Amino acid sequence: MRQGLRAAGMPEAMAVAVLGMSTGLRDGFVAEQPRSVLSTTPTTLEAWAREELVGVV
């Protein structure tokens, strides 16, 4: 997978990070801090994209 990401033009450090995240999810990743009212934002991805990306993309 790393070689494929690199072949697609991804920098080495990013390829290693993506591979690490993928492996962690596959192997039963457990978040260090569980989601709670204090750690979760009420903003949806759609709302964020509308507010931050309109006119930029």
N, C-alpha and C. Protein backbone atom coordinates (compact mmCIF):
# COMPACT_ATOMS: atom_id res chain seq x y z
N MET A 1 0.83 -1.19 0.00
CA MET A 1 0.00 0.00 0.00
C MET A 1 0.88 1.25 0.00
N ARG A 2 1.93 1.21 0.80
CA ARG A 2 2.83 2.37 0.86
C ARG A 2 3.40 2.68 -0.50
N GLN A 3 3.84 1.65 -1.22
CA GLN A 3 4.41 1.86 -2.55
C GLN A 3 3.38 2.45 -3.50
N GLY A 4 2.12 2.00 -3.39
CA GLY A 4 1.06 2.54 -4.23
C GLY A 4 0.80 4.00 -3.95
N LEU A 5 0.79 4.37 -2.68
CA LEU A 5 0.58 5.77 -2.30
C LEU A 5 1.72 6.63 -2.80
N ARG A 6 2.94 6.12 -2.66
CA ARG A 6 4.12 6.87 -3.13
C ARG A 6 4.08 7.01 -4.65
N ALA A 7 3.67 5.94 -5.34
CA ALA A 7 3.61 5.98 -6.80
C ALA A 7 2.56 6.99 -7.28
N ALA A 8 1.54 7.22 -6.46
CA ALA A 8 0.51 8.19 -6.81
C ALA A 8 0.95 9.62 -6.50
N GLY A 9 2.16 9.77 -5.92
CA GLY A 9 2.69 11.10 -5.67
C GLY A 9 2.60 11.58 -4.23
N MET A 10 2.17 10.71 -3.33
CA MET A 10 2.06 11.11 -1.93
C MET A 10 3.45 11.15 -1.29
N PRO A 11 3.74 12.20 -0.51
CA PRO A 11 5.04 12.25 0.18
C PRO A 11 5.19 11.07 1.16
N GLU A 12 6.42 10.68 1.40
CA GLU A 12 6.72 9.52 2.25
C GLU A 12 6.06 9.62 3.62
N ALA A 13 6.22 10.76 4.29
CA ALA A 13 5.67 10.90 5.65
C ALA A 13 4.15 10.75 5.65
N MET A 14 3.49 11.27 4.64
CA MET A 14 2.04 11.16 4.56
C MET A 14 1.63 9.72 4.27
N ALA A 15 2.35 9.05 3.39
CA ALA A 15 2.06 7.65 3.08
C ALA A 15 2.19 6.79 4.34
N VAL A 16 3.21 7.02 5.12
CA VAL A 16 3.41 6.27 6.37
C VAL A 16 2.26 6.57 7.34
N ALA A 17 1.85 7.82 7.43
CA ALA A 17 0.75 8.19 8.33
C ALA A 17 -0.56 7.55 7.91
N VAL A 18 -0.87 7.57 6.62
CA VAL A 18 -2.10 6.95 6.12
C VAL A 18 -2.07 5.45 6.37
N LEU A 19 -0.95 4.83 6.12
CA LEU A 19 -0.81 3.40 6.36
C LEU A 19 -1.00 3.08 7.84
N GLY A 20 -0.44 3.91 8.71
CA GLY A 20 -0.61 3.70 10.15
C GLY A 20 -2.06 3.82 10.59
N MET A 21 -2.77 4.80 10.04
CA MET A 21 -4.19 4.96 10.39
C MET A 21 -4.99 3.76 9.89
N SER A 22 -4.71 3.33 8.66
CA SER A 22 -5.43 2.19 8.09
C SER A 22 -5.20 0.93 8.91
N THR A 23 -3.96 0.71 9.29
CA THR A 23 -3.62 -0.46 10.09
C THR A 23 -4.29 -0.39 11.45
N GLY A 24 -4.28 0.78 12.06
CA GLY A 24 -4.92 0.94 13.37
C GLY A 24 -6.41 0.65 13.32
N LEU A 25 -7.08 1.14 12.30
CA LEU A 25 -8.52 0.89 12.16
C LEU A 25 -8.79 -0.59 11.94
N ARG A 26 -7.96 -1.23 11.13
CA ARG A 26 -8.12 -2.66 10.86
C ARG A 26 -7.91 -3.50 12.12
N ASP A 27 -6.98 -3.08 12.94
CA ASP A 27 -6.59 -3.87 14.11
C ASP A 27 -7.34 -3.52 15.38
N GLY A 28 -8.47 -2.80 15.28
CA GLY A 28 -9.28 -2.52 16.45
C GLY A 28 -8.87 -1.26 17.20
N PHE A 29 -8.63 -0.19 16.48
CA PHE A 29 -8.25 1.09 17.07
C PHE A 29 -9.18 1.47 18.22
N VAL A 30 -8.60 1.92 19.31
CA VAL A 30 -9.36 2.45 20.44
C VAL A 30 -8.88 3.88 20.66
N ALA A 31 -9.81 4.81 20.59
CA ALA A 31 -9.45 6.22 20.75
C ALA A 31 -8.85 6.49 22.12
N GLU A 32 -7.84 7.35 22.16
CA GLU A 32 -7.22 7.71 23.43
C GLU A 32 -8.20 8.46 24.31
N GLN A 33 -8.99 9.34 23.68
CA GLN A 33 -10.00 10.09 24.41
C GLN A 33 -11.36 9.82 23.78
N PRO A 34 -12.27 9.23 24.54
CA PRO A 34 -13.59 8.96 23.98
C PRO A 34 -14.34 10.25 23.65
N ARG A 35 -15.23 10.17 22.69
CA ARG A 35 -16.02 11.35 22.32
C ARG A 35 -16.96 11.69 23.47
N SER A 36 -17.07 12.98 23.72
CA SER A 36 -17.96 13.45 24.78
C SER A 36 -18.45 14.84 24.38
N VAL A 37 -19.27 15.42 25.20
CA VAL A 37 -19.76 16.78 24.96
C VAL A 37 -18.59 17.75 24.87
N LEU A 38 -17.55 17.50 25.63
CA LEU A 38 -16.39 18.41 25.65
C LEU A 38 -15.47 18.23 24.45
N SER A 39 -15.48 17.03 23.84
CA SER A 39 -14.55 16.78 22.74
C SER A 39 -15.21 16.70 21.37
N THR A 40 -16.49 16.93 21.30
CA THR A 40 -17.22 16.82 20.04
C THR A 40 -17.80 18.17 19.64
N THR A 41 -17.59 18.54 18.41
CA THR A 41 -18.10 19.81 17.91
C THR A 41 -19.52 19.63 17.36
N PRO A 42 -20.37 20.61 17.54
CA PRO A 42 -21.72 20.51 16.99
C PRO A 42 -21.76 20.79 15.48
N THR A 43 -20.65 21.24 14.92
CA THR A 43 -20.60 21.59 13.51
C THR A 43 -20.52 20.33 12.65
N THR A 44 -21.40 20.22 11.67
CA THR A 44 -21.35 19.09 10.76
C THR A 44 -20.31 19.36 9.68
N LEU A 45 -19.85 18.32 9.03
CA LEU A 45 -18.89 18.49 7.94
C LEU A 45 -19.50 19.34 6.84
N GLU A 46 -20.77 19.12 6.55
CA GLU A 46 -21.45 19.91 5.52
C GLU A 46 -21.46 21.39 5.87
N ALA A 47 -21.78 21.73 7.12
CA ALA A 47 -21.82 23.13 7.54
C ALA A 47 -20.42 23.74 7.47
N TRP A 48 -19.43 23.00 7.90
CA TRP A 48 -18.06 23.51 7.86
C TRP A 48 -17.64 23.78 6.42
N ALA A 49 -17.91 22.83 5.53
CA ALA A 49 -17.53 23.00 4.13
C ALA A 49 -18.24 24.21 3.53
N ARG A 50 -19.51 24.38 3.83
CA ARG A 50 -20.27 25.52 3.31
C ARG A 50 -19.66 26.83 3.79
N GLU A 51 -19.31 26.90 5.05
CA GLU A 51 -18.79 28.15 5.63
C GLU A 51 -17.34 28.42 5.23
N GLU A 52 -16.53 27.39 5.17
CA GLU A 52 -15.09 27.58 4.95
C GLU A 52 -14.63 27.43 3.50
N LEU A 53 -15.31 26.61 2.71
CA LEU A 53 -14.82 26.31 1.38
C LEU A 53 -15.52 27.05 0.24
N VAL A 54 -16.67 27.62 0.52
CA VAL A 54 -17.38 28.33 -0.54
C VAL A 54 -16.51 29.48 -1.04
N GLY A 55 -16.32 29.52 -2.33
CA GLY A 55 -15.49 30.56 -2.91
C GLY A 55 -14.02 30.24 -2.96
N VAL A 56 -13.59 29.25 -2.21
CA VAL A 56 -12.17 28.87 -2.20
C VAL A 56 -11.91 27.76 -3.22
N VAL A 57 -12.87 26.86 -3.31
CA VAL A 57 -12.71 25.70 -4.21
C VAL A 57 -13.42 25.96 -5.51
